[in-house]
Amino acid sequence: MHDRCSGCELKYERAPGYFLGSIYINYGVTAIVMTWAYVLFHFVLDIENRYVMPPILLFCLVFPAVFIRYARSFWLGLDCYFDTESFGLNEPDESHADGDQESTDPQPPAD
């Protein structure tokens, strides 16, 4: 994985362990797809377990390795959506945008 975006220079790894949440997304999607596939093949299509389980177990090994990049992208997108401040996506304050406003810093009294 690249350290930064080549288009906007956004740093991907925000902090150590930043993408830990994406593992939960990856696990959740894998578990949901696996469960639905098992229910569909075993109960709906009435296929025996000995024919259903090997492909599902293979799916559980291959899918997370392929899906991890999308889970990380989704995690980064969620963070960007809910924490716009740390990504610099907030609109600039209009009162200070033109630069002609006086400073709001406390000034010492004039003698």
C-alpha atoms as a PDB file:
ATOM      1  CA  MET A   1       0.000   0.000   0.000  1.00  0.00           C
ATOM      2  CA  HIS A   2       1.275   3.461  -0.844  1.00  0.00           C
ATOM      3  CA  ASP A   3       2.005   5.903   1.986  1.00  0.00           C
ATOM      4  CA  ARG A   4       0.252   8.835   0.287  1.00  0.00           C
ATOM      5  CA  CYS A   5      -2.266   9.486  -2.469  1.00  0.00           C
ATOM      6  CA  SER A   6      -0.536  10.409  -5.716  1.00  0.00           C
ATOM      7  CA  GLY A   7      -3.303  12.884  -6.570  1.00  0.00           C
ATOM      8  CA  CYS A   8      -3.850  14.859  -3.368  1.00  0.00           C
ATOM      9  CA  GLU A   9      -0.958  13.749  -1.102  1.00  0.00           C
ATOM     10  CA  LEU A  10      -3.364  12.477   1.583  1.00  0.00           C
ATOM     11  CA  LYS A  11      -1.486  10.385   4.119  1.00  0.00           C
ATOM     12  CA  TYR A  12      -3.243   7.023   4.336  1.00  0.00           C
ATOM     13  CA  GLU A  13      -1.826   5.677   7.602  1.00  0.00           C
ATOM     14  CA  ARG A  14      -3.165   8.325   9.993  1.00  0.00           C
ATOM     15  CA  ALA A  15      -1.736   6.675  13.135  1.00  0.00           C
ATOM     16  CA  PRO A  16      -0.321   3.296  14.186  1.00  0.00           C
ATOM     17  CA  GLY A  17      -3.121   0.743  14.042  1.00  0.00           C
ATOM     18  CA  TYR A  18      -5.335   3.108  12.049  1.00  0.00           C
ATOM     19  CA  PHE A  19      -6.697   0.402   9.744  1.00  0.00           C
ATOM     20  CA  LEU A  20      -7.621  -1.989  12.559  1.00  0.00           C
ATOM     21  CA  GLY A  21     -11.282  -1.087  12.033  1.00  0.00           C
ATOM     22  CA  SER A  22     -11.084  -2.224   8.427  1.00  0.00           C
ATOM     23  CA  ILE A  23     -10.401  -5.746   9.684  1.00  0.00           C
ATOM     24  CA  TYR A  24     -13.836  -5.712  11.345  1.00  0.00           C
ATOM     25  CA  ILE A  25     -15.415  -4.619   8.066  1.00  0.00           C
ATOM     26  CA  ASN A  26     -13.544  -7.352   6.196  1.00  0.00           C
ATOM     27  CA  TYR A  27     -14.568  -9.990   8.738  1.00  0.00           C
ATOM     28  CA  GLY A  28     -18.195  -8.835   8.779  1.00  0.00           C
ATOM     29  CA  VAL A  29     -18.590  -8.909   5.007  1.00  0.00           C
ATOM     30  CA  THR A  30     -16.908 -12.320   4.813  1.00  0.00           C
ATOM     31  CA  ALA A  31     -19.153 -13.753   7.550  1.00  0.00           C
ATOM     32  CA  ILE A  32     -22.345 -12.362   5.999  1.00  0.00           C
ATOM     33  CA  VAL A  33     -21.542 -13.647   2.496  1.00  0.00           C
ATOM     34  CA  MET A  34     -20.452 -17.039   3.847  1.00  0.00           C
ATOM     35  CA  THR A  35     -23.604 -17.400   5.961  1.00  0.00           C
ATOM     36  CA  TRP A  36     -25.923 -16.477   3.106  1.00  0.00           C
ATOM     37  CA  ALA A  37     -24.100 -18.837   0.744  1.00  0.00           C
ATOM     38  CA  TYR A  38     -24.373 -21.706   3.230  1.00  0.00           C
ATOM     39  CA  VAL A  39     -28.073 -21.094   3.831  1.00  0.00           C
ATOM     40  CA  LEU A  40     -28.742 -20.818   0.106  1.00  0.00           C
ATOM     41  CA  PHE A  41     -26.860 -23.945  -0.927  1.00  0.00           C
ATOM     42  CA  HIS A  42     -27.644 -26.199   2.028  1.00  0.00           C
ATOM     43  CA  PHE A  43     -31.189 -25.288   2.994  1.00  0.00           C
ATOM     44  CA  VAL A  44     -32.710 -23.743  -0.129  1.00  0.00           C
ATOM     45  CA  LEU A  45     -31.028 -25.817  -2.843  1.00  0.00           C
ATOM     46  CA  ASP A  46     -30.733 -28.876  -0.559  1.00  0.00           C
ATOM     47  CA  ILE A  47     -27.086 -29.631  -1.343  1.00  0.00           C
ATOM     48  CA  GLU A  48     -25.248 -31.883   1.122  1.00  0.00           C
ATOM     49  CA  ASN A  49     -22.733 -30.417   3.577  1.00  0.00           C
ATOM     50  CA  ARG A  50     -19.827 -32.386   2.135  1.00  0.00           C
ATOM     51  CA  TYR A  51     -20.293 -30.510  -1.170  1.00  0.00           C
ATOM     52  CA  VAL A  52     -21.120 -27.110   0.349  1.00  0.00           C
ATOM     53  CA  MET A  53     -18.383 -26.740   2.966  1.00  0.00           C
ATOM     54  CA  PRO A  54     -15.161 -27.035   0.887  1.00  0.00           C
ATOM     55  CA  PRO A  55     -15.999 -24.140  -1.465  1.00  0.00           C
ATOM     56  CA  ILE A  56     -17.217 -22.020   1.444  1.00  0.00           C
ATOM     57  CA  LEU A  57     -14.035 -22.687   3.424  1.00  0.00           C
ATOM     58  CA  LEU A  58     -11.953 -21.832   0.359  1.00  0.00           C
ATOM     59  CA  PHE A  59     -13.984 -18.629   0.025  1.00  0.00           C
ATOM     60  CA  CYS A  60     -13.192 -17.793   3.676  1.00  0.00           C
ATOM     61  CA  LEU A  61      -9.480 -18.049   2.932  1.00  0.00           C
ATOM     62  CA  VAL A  62      -9.360 -16.228  -0.416  1.00  0.00           C
ATOM     63  CA  PHE A  63     -12.021 -13.512  -0.119  1.00  0.00           C
ATOM     64  CA  PRO A  64     -10.544 -11.611   2.878  1.00  0.00           C
ATOM     65  CA  ALA A  65      -7.170 -11.376   1.138  1.00  0.00           C
ATOM     66  CA  VAL A  66      -8.809  -9.896  -1.964  1.00  0.00           C
ATOM     67  CA  PHE A  67     -11.307  -7.675  -0.118  1.00  0.00           C
ATOM     68  CA  ILE A  68      -8.897  -6.072   2.387  1.00  0.00           C
ATOM     69  CA  ARG A  69      -8.015  -3.184   0.064  1.00  0.00           C
ATOM     70  CA  TYR A  70     -11.709  -2.326  -0.350  1.00  0.00           C
ATOM     71  CA  ALA A  71     -12.321  -2.626   3.394  1.00  0.00           C
ATOM     72  CA  ARG A  72      -9.441  -0.185   3.986  1.00  0.00           C
ATOM     73  CA  SER A  73     -10.854   2.217   1.412  1.00  0.00           C
ATOM     74  CA  PHE A  74     -14.260   2.019   3.055  1.00  0.00           C
ATOM     75  CA  TRP A  75     -12.720   2.593   6.502  1.00  0.00           C
ATOM     76  CA  LEU A  76     -10.809   5.622   5.206  1.00  0.00           C
ATOM     77  CA  GLY A  77     -13.995   6.941   3.590  1.00  0.00           C
ATOM     78  CA  LEU A  78     -15.948   6.528   6.838  1.00  0.00           C
ATOM     79  CA  ASP A  79     -13.230   8.367   8.741  1.00  0.00           C
ATOM     80  CA  CYS A  80     -13.164  11.134   6.154  1.00  0.00           C
ATOM     81  CA  TYR A  81     -16.962  11.450   6.284  1.00  0.00           C
ATOM     82  CA  PHE A  82     -17.286  11.534  10.082  1.00  0.00           C
ATOM     83  CA  ASP A  83     -14.047  13.378  10.939  1.00  0.00           C
ATOM     84  CA  THR A  84     -13.699  16.044   8.259  1.00  0.00           C
ATOM     85  CA  GLU A  85     -11.566  18.234  10.515  1.00  0.00           C
ATOM     86  CA  SER A  86      -8.534  15.951  10.462  1.00  0.00           C
ATOM     87  CA  PHE A  87      -8.708  15.697   6.662  1.00  0.00           C
ATOM     88  CA  GLY A  88      -8.833  19.458   6.103  1.00  0.00           C
ATOM     89  CA  LEU A  89     -12.243  19.262   4.432  1.00  0.00           C
ATOM     90  CA  ASN A  90     -14.008  21.907   6.515  1.00  0.00           C
ATOM     91  CA  GLU A  91     -15.140  25.045   4.752  1.00  0.00           C
ATOM     92  CA  PRO A  92     -12.941  28.026   5.591  1.00  0.00           C
ATOM     93  CA  ASP A  93     -14.458  30.454   8.060  1.00  0.00           C
ATOM     94  CA  GLU A  94     -15.998  33.254   5.965  1.00  0.00           C
ATOM     95  CA  SER A  95     -15.184  35.972   8.535  1.00  0.00           C
ATOM     96  CA  HIS A  96     -11.455  35.363   8.103  1.00  0.00           C
ATOM     97  CA  ALA A  97     -11.407  34.328   4.469  1.00  0.00           C
ATOM     98  CA  ASP A  98     -10.722  37.774   2.991  1.00  0.00           C
ATOM     99  CA  GLY A  99      -7.859  38.615   5.356  1.00  0.00           C
ATOM    100  CA  ASP A 100      -9.129  42.190   5.983  1.00  0.00           C
ATOM    101  CA  GLN A 101     -10.648  41.349   9.347  1.00  0.00           C
ATOM    102  CA  GLU A 102      -8.940  42.460  12.520  1.00  0.00           C
ATOM    103  CA  SER A 103      -7.195  39.850  14.596  1.00  0.00           C
ATOM    104  CA  THR A 104      -9.250  38.377  17.418  1.00  0.00           C
ATOM    105  CA  ASP A 105      -6.128  37.865  19.531  1.00  0.00           C
ATOM    106  CA  PRO A 106      -6.154  39.831  22.774  1.00  0.00           C
ATOM    107  CA  GLN A 107      -4.277  43.116  22.404  1.00  0.00           C
ATOM    108  CA  PRO A 108      -2.428  44.816  25.239  1.00  0.00           C
ATOM    109  CA  PRO A 109      -4.042  48.065  26.368  1.00  0.00           C
ATOM    110  CA  ALA A 110      -2.705  51.230  24.726  1.00  0.00           C
ATOM    111  CA  ASP A 111      -0.852  53.602  27.097  1.00  0.00           C
END
